[in-house]
Every structure is written in C-alpha cells, then in structure tokens.
Amino acid sequence: MNVLINQTPVELPEGASVADAVAHLAPQPPFAVAVNLQFIPNSRYAAQPLADGDQVEIIAPVTGG
C-alpha cells in the first residue's frame, strides 16, 4: 500500500500499522504521530492500521522562543 510519511510517498506492506510507519522513518524521540490529522498515542501505534493513501505525520517538538 502507498502512504505519505511526512509528505513523502512510501510503500508499506498490506496490513501495515502506525508502528510500521514509525519503524520506516526511525525518528529519534521525542516525537508525535498523526494519521490524517488525528493524533495517535504511542500506546496505539501497533494496533492502529493504515490504509492506502493515508497521510502520516511524524513530528518532533521544536524549542525556542
């Protein structure tokens, strides 16, 4: 299936979860994940399925003032 991760097209296997998308990008903590603009808590990464065309955003906090 094809999804967008941080606006980049990525092909993941059918039945992939948010955990698979996170593993693909391998971000350094801390980070947050949203699928189609809906926040996904880290306790649900493995249980949250992805569908073809989903938009996944993996974002890190930014410090500053």
N, C-alpha and C. Protein backbone atom coordinates (compact mmCIF):
# COMPACT_ATOMS: atom_id res chain seq x y z
N MET A 1 0.84 -1.17 0.00
CA MET A 1 0.00 0.00 0.00
C MET A 1 0.88 1.23 0.00
N ASN A 2 0.36 2.29 -0.55
CA ASN A 2 1.10 3.55 -0.61
C ASN A 2 0.53 4.53 0.40
N VAL A 3 1.41 5.10 1.21
CA VAL A 3 1.03 6.13 2.17
C VAL A 3 2.01 7.29 2.02
N LEU A 4 1.67 8.40 2.61
CA LEU A 4 2.59 9.53 2.68
C LEU A 4 3.10 9.62 4.10
N ILE A 5 4.40 9.64 4.27
CA ILE A 5 5.00 9.86 5.57
C ILE A 5 5.76 11.18 5.49
N ASN A 6 5.31 12.14 6.25
CA ASN A 6 5.88 13.50 6.20
C ASN A 6 5.93 14.00 4.76
N GLN A 7 4.83 13.77 4.04
CA GLN A 7 4.62 14.24 2.67
C GLN A 7 5.51 13.56 1.65
N THR A 8 6.12 12.42 2.01
CA THR A 8 6.94 11.65 1.08
C THR A 8 6.25 10.32 0.81
N PRO A 9 6.03 9.96 -0.46
CA PRO A 9 5.38 8.68 -0.75
C PRO A 9 6.25 7.50 -0.29
N VAL A 10 5.61 6.55 0.40
CA VAL A 10 6.29 5.36 0.91
C VAL A 10 5.39 4.17 0.65
N GLU A 11 5.97 3.07 0.22
CA GLU A 11 5.21 1.84 0.05
C GLU A 11 5.44 0.95 1.26
N LEU A 12 4.35 0.58 1.92
CA LEU A 12 4.39 -0.32 3.07
C LEU A 12 3.59 -1.57 2.72
N PRO A 13 3.86 -2.67 3.40
CA PRO A 13 3.11 -3.90 3.11
C PRO A 13 1.63 -3.76 3.51
N GLU A 14 0.77 -4.51 2.84
CA GLU A 14 -0.64 -4.54 3.21
C GLU A 14 -0.76 -4.92 4.68
N GLY A 15 -1.68 -4.29 5.38
CA GLY A 15 -1.87 -4.58 6.80
C GLY A 15 -0.90 -3.85 7.71
N ALA A 16 -0.13 -2.90 7.16
CA ALA A 16 0.85 -2.17 7.97
C ALA A 16 0.13 -1.32 9.00
N SER A 17 0.84 -1.08 10.10
CA SER A 17 0.30 -0.26 11.19
C SER A 17 1.12 1.02 11.33
N VAL A 18 0.68 1.87 12.23
CA VAL A 18 1.44 3.09 12.52
C VAL A 18 2.84 2.71 13.00
N ALA A 19 2.97 1.62 13.75
CA ALA A 19 4.28 1.17 14.22
C ALA A 19 5.21 0.89 13.04
N ASP A 20 4.68 0.34 11.96
CA ASP A 20 5.50 0.08 10.77
C ASP A 20 5.96 1.38 10.12
N ALA A 21 5.09 2.38 10.09
CA ALA A 21 5.46 3.68 9.53
C ALA A 21 6.55 4.34 10.37
N VAL A 22 6.40 4.25 11.69
CA VAL A 22 7.42 4.82 12.59
C VAL A 22 8.74 4.09 12.39
N ALA A 23 8.70 2.77 12.30
CA ALA A 23 9.93 1.99 12.10
C ALA A 23 10.59 2.36 10.77
N HIS A 24 9.80 2.64 9.76
CA HIS A 24 10.36 3.02 8.45
C HIS A 24 11.16 4.31 8.55
N LEU A 25 10.64 5.27 9.28
CA LEU A 25 11.32 6.57 9.39
C LEU A 25 12.39 6.57 10.47
N ALA A 26 12.21 5.76 11.51
CA ALA A 26 13.15 5.63 12.63
C ALA A 26 13.52 6.99 13.25
N PRO A 27 12.51 7.75 13.69
CA PRO A 27 12.80 9.06 14.29
C PRO A 27 13.40 8.92 15.69
N GLN A 28 14.13 9.94 16.09
CA GLN A 28 14.69 9.98 17.44
C GLN A 28 13.64 10.58 18.37
N PRO A 29 13.38 9.96 19.53
CA PRO A 29 12.41 10.53 20.47
C PRO A 29 12.92 11.87 21.01
N PRO A 30 12.04 12.73 21.43
CA PRO A 30 10.59 12.59 21.45
C PRO A 30 9.98 12.96 20.10
N PHE A 31 8.84 12.37 19.79
CA PHE A 31 8.10 12.69 18.59
C PHE A 31 6.64 12.35 18.81
N ALA A 32 5.79 12.88 17.95
CA ALA A 32 4.36 12.60 17.98
C ALA A 32 3.94 12.15 16.58
N VAL A 33 2.85 11.39 16.53
CA VAL A 33 2.37 10.86 15.25
C VAL A 33 0.90 11.22 15.06
N ALA A 34 0.58 11.65 13.85
CA ALA A 34 -0.80 11.88 13.46
C ALA A 34 -1.06 11.15 12.14
N VAL A 35 -2.24 10.59 12.02
CA VAL A 35 -2.66 9.95 10.77
C VAL A 35 -3.91 10.69 10.30
N ASN A 36 -3.83 11.24 9.10
CA ASN A 36 -4.94 12.03 8.56
C ASN A 36 -5.39 13.10 9.56
N LEU A 37 -4.41 13.76 10.16
CA LEU A 37 -4.58 14.87 11.10
C LEU A 37 -5.14 14.46 12.46
N GLN A 38 -5.20 13.17 12.74
CA GLN A 38 -5.68 12.68 14.04
C GLN A 38 -4.48 12.17 14.84
N PHE A 39 -4.25 12.74 16.03
CA PHE A 39 -3.16 12.31 16.90
C PHE A 39 -3.35 10.84 17.28
N ILE A 40 -2.26 10.07 17.24
CA ILE A 40 -2.28 8.66 17.63
C ILE A 40 -1.35 8.52 18.84
N PRO A 41 -1.87 8.12 20.01
CA PRO A 41 -1.00 7.92 21.17
C PRO A 41 -0.05 6.74 20.94
N ASN A 42 1.15 6.82 21.50
CA ASN A 42 2.15 5.77 21.25
C ASN A 42 1.68 4.40 21.72
N SER A 43 0.76 4.34 22.65
CA SER A 43 0.24 3.05 23.10
C SER A 43 -0.62 2.38 22.04
N ARG A 44 -1.00 3.11 20.97
CA ARG A 44 -1.84 2.55 19.91
C ARG A 44 -1.11 2.33 18.59
N TYR A 45 0.18 2.62 18.53
CA TYR A 45 0.92 2.50 17.26
C TYR A 45 0.75 1.12 16.62
N ALA A 46 0.94 0.06 17.39
CA ALA A 46 0.88 -1.30 16.83
C ALA A 46 -0.54 -1.69 16.46
N ALA A 47 -1.53 -1.16 17.15
CA ALA A 47 -2.92 -1.55 16.91
C ALA A 47 -3.62 -0.68 15.86
N GLN A 48 -3.02 0.44 15.50
CA GLN A 48 -3.66 1.37 14.56
C GLN A 48 -3.29 1.01 13.13
N PRO A 49 -4.23 0.45 12.37
CA PRO A 49 -3.91 0.07 10.99
C PRO A 49 -3.84 1.29 10.08
N LEU A 50 -3.09 1.14 9.02
CA LEU A 50 -3.03 2.16 8.00
C LEU A 50 -3.78 1.67 6.76
N ALA A 51 -4.28 2.61 5.98
CA ALA A 51 -4.96 2.29 4.73
C ALA A 51 -4.25 2.99 3.58
N ASP A 52 -4.41 2.44 2.39
CA ASP A 52 -3.82 3.03 1.20
C ASP A 52 -4.22 4.50 1.11
N GLY A 53 -3.24 5.38 0.93
CA GLY A 53 -3.49 6.81 0.79
C GLY A 53 -3.46 7.59 2.09
N ASP A 54 -3.29 6.91 3.22
CA ASP A 54 -3.22 7.64 4.50
C ASP A 54 -2.04 8.60 4.51
N GLN A 55 -2.21 9.69 5.23
CA GLN A 55 -1.16 10.68 5.41
C GLN A 55 -0.67 10.60 6.85
N VAL A 56 0.58 10.21 7.02
CA VAL A 56 1.19 10.05 8.34
C VAL A 56 2.16 11.19 8.55
N GLU A 57 2.02 11.87 9.67
CA GLU A 57 2.96 12.93 10.04
C GLU A 57 3.66 12.51 11.32
N ILE A 58 4.98 12.50 11.28
CA ILE A 58 5.80 12.19 12.45
C ILE A 58 6.60 13.45 12.72
N ILE A 59 6.28 14.08 13.85
CA ILE A 59 6.87 15.39 14.12
C ILE A 59 7.57 15.41 15.48
N ALA A 60 8.64 16.18 15.54
CA ALA A 60 9.40 16.36 16.76
C ALA A 60 9.13 17.75 17.30
N PRO A 61 9.12 17.90 18.62
CA PRO A 61 8.92 19.24 19.19
C PRO A 61 10.10 20.14 18.86
N VAL A 62 9.81 21.42 18.79
CA VAL A 62 10.83 22.42 18.49
C VAL A 62 10.92 23.36 19.69
N THR A 63 12.12 23.60 20.16
CA THR A 63 12.29 24.53 21.27
C THR A 63 12.67 25.90 20.73
N GLY A 64 12.43 26.88 21.51
CA GLY A 64 12.78 28.23 21.10
C GLY A 64 11.83 29.23 21.72
N GLY A 65 11.99 30.43 21.34
CA GLY A 65 11.13 31.42 21.97
C GLY A 65 10.84 32.57 21.16
